[in-house]
Amino acid sequence: MISMCDRASNEPYFERKMQQLRNVTVEGYETLRNIDPRKWKRYAFRPRTNCLELVNNWAEAFHIFIIKARDQPIITMLNTIYHTIMTRIVEEREKKLKCKGSVGSRIDKVLEKREETLYDFIVKASGSPRYEVTSTHHSFLVDIEKKECSCVLWQLGDTPCMHAVCV
């Protein structure tokens, strides 16, 4: 339930999820209300963070490098961590060079998954490069040029949201 609150991309959706949380646990609701929104609410993050995940895999990988090298003397440990990171950077670069499209394979999979759910949406031109994308219950404004959508997911993750993919 808490993960639905922290991943909400806009305030109205966040408030609905918080009310659901309040119905389950008032204490949890009160605790979350007292925390600064910029520290945990996705919709309160600054736009263009360019990362879909709240936890970065590089941080986790770095932690693993440290654990493997921590029994060594300090200079040796730092060299081991340095060489491990350099090797990983080269491997990541080689993976990216093998990509055929303008985006990586992970982003490609995300976009394909979003394309599968497009049957519900109706796209109306609202003056180039703006479009209105409507579904049964909601309506969103998409600006292709600015890479923005009123759902805010595009600004938070830098990957086109399902409304932008419709256009």
Protein backbone atom coordinates (compact mmCIF):
# COMPACT_ATOMS: atom_id res chain seq x y z
CA MET A 1 0.00 0.00 0.00
CA ILE A 2 2.82 2.41 0.88
CA SER A 3 4.58 1.67 -2.42
CA MET A 4 1.45 2.81 -4.28
CA CYS A 5 1.61 6.11 -2.37
CA ASP A 6 5.28 6.79 -3.03
CA ARG A 7 5.03 5.95 -6.75
CA ALA A 8 2.04 8.22 -7.43
CA SER A 9 2.96 10.61 -10.23
CA ASN A 10 0.48 13.34 -9.35
CA GLU A 11 -1.12 14.74 -6.22
CA PRO A 12 -4.77 13.65 -6.76
CA TYR A 13 -3.70 10.04 -7.34
CA PHE A 14 -1.43 10.25 -4.30
CA GLU A 15 -4.28 11.55 -2.13
CA ARG A 16 -6.56 8.67 -3.20
CA LYS A 17 -3.88 6.15 -2.28
CA MET A 18 -3.26 7.89 1.06
CA GLN A 19 -6.97 7.64 1.89
CA GLN A 20 -6.84 3.91 1.10
CA LEU A 21 -3.82 3.62 3.40
CA ARG A 22 -5.70 5.53 6.12
CA ASN A 23 -8.51 2.96 5.91
CA VAL A 24 -5.95 0.21 6.55
CA THR A 25 -3.71 1.90 9.16
CA VAL A 26 -4.20 5.35 10.65
CA GLU A 27 -0.79 5.23 12.35
CA GLY A 28 0.98 4.57 9.03
CA TYR A 29 -1.02 7.36 7.40
CA GLU A 30 -0.05 9.87 10.12
CA THR A 31 3.62 8.83 9.98
CA LEU A 32 3.79 9.41 6.21
CA ARG A 33 1.97 12.75 6.46
CA ASN A 34 4.72 14.05 8.78
CA ILE A 35 7.58 13.32 6.33
CA ASP A 36 8.78 16.04 3.93
CA PRO A 37 7.19 15.25 0.52
CA ARG A 38 10.38 15.99 -1.43
CA LYS A 39 12.08 13.08 0.33
CA TRP A 40 9.73 10.30 -0.69
CA LYS A 41 6.75 11.32 -2.87
CA ARG A 42 7.50 10.73 -6.54
CA TYR A 43 5.23 13.55 -7.72
CA ALA A 44 7.21 15.96 -5.50
CA PHE A 45 10.57 15.05 -7.09
CA ARG A 46 12.02 17.57 -9.48
CA PRO A 47 11.11 16.76 -13.08
CA ARG A 48 13.69 15.21 -15.40
CA THR A 49 15.33 12.95 -12.86
CA ASN A 50 15.80 10.64 -15.87
CA CYS A 51 15.54 7.47 -13.85
CA LEU A 52 12.44 5.28 -13.66
CA GLU A 53 13.55 3.57 -10.49
CA LEU A 54 13.63 5.03 -7.01
CA VAL A 55 16.73 2.92 -6.26
CA ASN A 56 19.60 3.00 -8.72
CA ASN A 57 21.24 -0.31 -9.70
CA TRP A 58 24.66 1.35 -9.75
CA ALA A 59 24.36 2.10 -6.04
CA GLU A 60 23.53 -1.53 -5.34
CA ALA A 61 26.38 -2.74 -7.55
CA PHE A 62 28.80 -0.37 -5.82
CA HIS A 63 27.74 -1.75 -2.45
CA ILE A 64 28.51 -5.29 -3.69
CA PHE A 65 31.96 -4.15 -4.91
CA ILE A 66 32.72 -2.73 -1.47
CA ILE A 67 31.61 -5.89 0.34
CA LYS A 68 33.84 -8.06 -1.87
CA ALA A 69 36.88 -5.83 -1.31
CA ARG A 70 36.49 -4.72 2.30
CA ASP A 71 38.83 -7.35 3.80
CA GLN A 72 41.78 -5.98 1.83
CA PRO A 73 44.21 -3.23 2.90
CA ILE A 74 42.83 0.23 2.06
CA ILE A 75 44.91 0.95 -1.08
CA THR A 76 44.32 -2.54 -2.47
CA MET A 77 40.62 -2.25 -1.65
CA LEU A 78 40.31 1.08 -3.49
CA ASN A 79 42.19 -0.30 -6.51
CA THR A 80 39.95 -3.38 -6.57
CA ILE A 81 36.81 -1.22 -6.43
CA TYR A 82 38.22 1.13 -9.09
CA HIS A 83 39.06 -1.69 -11.52
CA THR A 84 35.73 -3.42 -10.93
CA ILE A 85 33.84 -0.20 -11.69
CA MET A 86 35.94 0.49 -14.79
CA THR A 87 35.26 -3.04 -16.05
CA ARG A 88 31.54 -2.59 -15.48
CA ILE A 89 31.51 0.74 -17.33
CA VAL A 90 33.21 -0.86 -20.34
CA GLU A 91 30.74 -3.78 -20.29
CA GLU A 92 27.77 -1.38 -20.13
CA ARG A 93 29.18 0.69 -23.00
CA GLU A 94 29.62 -2.44 -25.13
CA LYS A 95 26.01 -3.45 -24.42
CA LYS A 96 24.79 -0.01 -25.49
CA LEU A 97 26.82 -0.11 -28.70
CA LYS A 98 25.07 -3.36 -29.65
CA CYS A 99 21.65 -1.68 -29.46
CA LYS A 100 20.08 -1.27 -32.87
CA GLY A 101 17.58 1.53 -32.17
CA SER A 102 17.90 5.01 -30.76
CA VAL A 103 17.04 3.71 -27.27
CA GLY A 104 18.35 0.78 -25.25
CA SER A 105 16.75 -2.64 -25.07
CA ARG A 106 15.29 -2.01 -21.61
CA ILE A 107 13.53 1.17 -22.77
CA ASP A 108 12.42 -0.65 -25.93
CA LYS A 109 10.73 -3.31 -23.76
CA VAL A 110 9.03 -0.62 -21.65
CA LEU A 111 7.68 1.10 -24.78
CA GLU A 112 6.48 -2.21 -26.28
CA LYS A 113 4.65 -3.02 -23.05
CA ARG A 114 2.99 0.41 -23.10
CA GLU A 115 1.96 -0.04 -26.74
CA GLU A 116 0.07 -3.21 -25.79
CA THR A 117 -2.29 -1.19 -23.56
CA LEU A 118 -3.19 1.52 -26.09
CA TYR A 119 -6.53 0.11 -27.23
CA ASP A 120 -8.43 2.22 -24.66
CA PHE A 121 -7.19 5.64 -25.74
CA ILE A 122 -8.52 8.20 -28.22
CA VAL A 123 -6.05 10.80 -29.53
CA LYS A 124 -7.24 14.25 -30.60
CA ALA A 125 -5.01 16.95 -32.03
CA SER A 126 -5.02 20.01 -29.83
CA GLY A 127 -2.74 22.13 -31.96
CA SER A 128 0.63 20.75 -33.03
CA PRO A 129 2.69 19.53 -31.11
CA ARG A 130 -0.04 19.18 -28.44
CA TYR A 131 -2.54 16.35 -28.22
CA GLU A 132 -5.36 15.34 -25.94
CA VAL A 133 -5.39 11.65 -25.06
CA THR A 134 -8.62 10.42 -23.49
CA SER A 135 -9.63 7.12 -21.96
CA THR A 136 -12.86 6.02 -20.33
CA HIS A 137 -12.23 7.88 -17.08
CA HIS A 138 -9.38 10.34 -17.68
CA SER A 139 -8.04 12.90 -20.11
CA PHE A 140 -4.38 13.87 -20.49
CA LEU A 141 -2.58 16.62 -22.39
CA VAL A 142 0.60 15.56 -24.19
CA ASP A 143 3.15 18.02 -25.57
CA ILE A 144 5.53 16.10 -27.82
CA GLU A 145 7.92 19.01 -28.33
CA LYS A 146 8.38 19.69 -24.60
CA LYS A 147 8.28 15.95 -23.75
CA GLU A 148 5.54 16.53 -21.19
CA CYS A 149 2.30 14.84 -20.23
CA SER A 150 -0.22 15.95 -17.62
CA CYS A 151 0.16 12.56 -15.90
CA VAL A 152 3.76 13.75 -15.14
CA LEU A 153 5.30 10.28 -15.65
CA TRP A 154 7.18 11.40 -18.78
CA GLN A 155 8.82 14.27 -16.90
CA LEU A 156 9.75 12.04 -13.96
CA GLY A 157 11.23 9.18 -15.95
CA ASP A 158 12.28 10.64 -19.32
CA THR A 159 10.64 7.64 -21.03
CA PRO A 160 7.42 8.44 -22.89
CA CYS A 161 4.38 7.49 -20.81
CA MET A 162 1.59 5.43 -22.36
CA HIS A 163 -0.28 8.61 -23.33
CA ALA A 164 2.72 9.92 -25.28
CA VAL A 165 3.19 6.53 -26.93
CA CYS A 166 -0.41 6.82 -28.23
CA VAL A 167 0.51 9.94 -30.16
